[in-house]
Amino acid sequence: MAIKITFNQPSTEKSFLTLRPWSRPWIGLLRQARFVEETSLSVLLTDDQVAEYLQLRGAHTLAHWRTTKKYSLPYIRIGRAIRYRKEDVEAFLLAHRQED
């Protein structure tokens, strides 16, 4: 059994990569491909941008939320940098909307 992954090239040709199930690197490739697909079209925001968008006192509030897990605002860690998808921030706002 083999898995065939298709990569679209700028030309009309397609190149194929065949991976065997007993070779473990294919799992990482699939995870990376899924992650790239999810995040490639989304806008990534910094702590300061999200704090301004949510009208918080500062980015330290977001850091506090992350460390204490007070709110479940999804984030992406790239090295030491923290980034937020704009769609996740908007979903967070909708989830915390109060109607009286």
Protein backbone atom coordinates (compact mmCIF):
# COMPACT_ATOMS: atom_id res chain seq x y z
CA MET A 1 0.00 0.00 0.00
CA ALA A 2 1.36 3.41 -0.93
CA ILE A 3 0.12 6.95 -0.52
CA LYS A 4 0.40 9.28 -3.47
CA ILE A 5 0.60 13.03 -2.77
CA THR A 6 0.06 15.43 -5.66
CA PHE A 7 1.91 18.74 -5.85
CA ASN A 8 0.61 21.29 -8.34
CA GLN A 9 3.35 22.85 -10.41
CA PRO A 10 3.14 26.24 -12.18
CA SER A 11 3.03 24.40 -15.49
CA THR A 12 0.29 21.98 -16.47
CA GLU A 13 2.36 19.03 -15.25
CA LYS A 14 1.89 17.48 -11.83
CA SER A 15 4.59 15.80 -9.83
CA PHE A 16 3.89 12.90 -7.54
CA LEU A 17 5.51 11.79 -4.32
CA THR A 18 4.85 8.19 -3.33
CA LEU A 19 5.37 7.33 0.32
CA ARG A 20 5.24 3.93 1.91
CA PRO A 21 3.20 3.49 5.12
CA TRP A 22 6.20 2.08 6.98
CA SER A 23 8.17 5.28 6.37
CA ARG A 24 7.18 7.56 9.25
CA PRO A 25 7.99 10.95 7.60
CA TRP A 26 4.76 10.85 5.59
CA ILE A 27 2.75 11.54 8.76
CA GLY A 28 4.60 14.81 9.32
CA LEU A 29 4.12 15.79 5.67
CA LEU A 30 0.38 15.28 5.91
CA ARG A 31 0.18 17.30 9.12
CA GLN A 32 2.19 20.13 7.56
CA ALA A 33 0.03 20.11 4.44
CA ARG A 34 -3.13 20.35 6.54
CA PHE A 35 -1.67 23.20 8.64
CA VAL A 36 -0.56 25.14 5.56
CA GLU A 37 -3.97 24.67 3.96
CA GLU A 38 -5.74 26.02 7.07
CA THR A 39 -3.52 29.02 7.67
CA SER A 40 -2.33 30.05 4.21
CA LEU A 41 -5.38 32.16 3.39
CA SER A 42 -5.94 33.60 6.85
CA VAL A 43 -4.58 36.85 8.21
CA LEU A 44 -2.24 36.47 11.19
CA LEU A 45 -2.34 39.17 13.88
CA THR A 46 0.16 40.04 16.61
CA ASP A 47 -0.62 40.40 20.33
CA ASP A 48 -0.76 44.18 20.02
CA GLN A 49 -3.12 44.05 17.04
CA VAL A 50 -5.48 41.63 18.78
CA ALA A 51 -5.42 43.66 21.99
CA GLU A 52 -6.34 46.78 20.03
CA TYR A 53 -9.04 44.91 18.08
CA LEU A 54 -10.57 43.55 21.32
CA GLN A 55 -10.10 46.95 23.04
CA LEU A 56 -8.04 45.48 25.86
CA ARG A 57 -5.62 47.44 28.05
CA GLY A 58 -2.61 45.78 26.46
CA ALA A 59 -1.01 42.66 25.07
CA HIS A 60 -0.15 41.55 28.61
CA THR A 61 -3.85 40.67 29.06
CA LEU A 62 -3.62 38.15 26.22
CA ALA A 63 -0.43 36.71 27.74
CA HIS A 64 -2.28 36.32 31.05
CA TRP A 65 -5.16 34.54 29.30
CA ARG A 66 -2.72 32.15 27.61
CA THR A 67 -0.82 31.24 30.77
CA THR A 68 -3.86 30.87 33.02
CA LYS A 69 -6.07 29.39 30.28
CA LYS A 70 -8.81 31.76 31.40
CA TYR A 71 -10.23 32.05 27.88
CA SER A 72 -9.74 29.64 25.02
CA LEU A 73 -8.54 32.01 22.31
CA PRO A 74 -6.61 29.82 19.83
CA TYR A 75 -3.13 31.01 18.90
CA ILE A 76 -0.17 29.94 16.78
CA ARG A 77 3.35 29.89 18.21
CA ILE A 78 6.15 30.55 15.71
CA GLY A 79 9.35 30.34 17.71
CA ARG A 80 8.84 32.92 20.46
CA ALA A 81 6.27 34.89 18.49
CA ILE A 82 2.55 34.44 19.12
CA ARG A 83 0.09 34.99 16.27
CA TYR A 84 -3.68 34.82 16.09
CA ARG A 85 -5.84 34.04 13.07
CA LYS A 86 -8.34 36.82 12.44
CA GLU A 87 -11.11 34.24 11.97
CA ASP A 88 -10.36 32.79 15.44
CA VAL A 89 -10.52 36.23 17.06
CA GLU A 90 -13.87 36.96 15.40
CA ALA A 91 -15.20 33.53 16.44
CA PHE A 92 -14.02 34.25 19.99
CA LEU A 93 -16.03 37.48 19.99
CA LEU A 94 -19.14 35.74 18.72
CA ALA A 95 -18.79 32.99 21.32
CA HIS A 96 -18.64 35.56 24.14
CA ARG A 97 -21.52 37.68 22.88
CA GLN A 98 -24.13 38.38 25.55
CA GLU A 99 -27.76 39.05 24.75
CA ASP A 100 -29.90 40.38 27.57
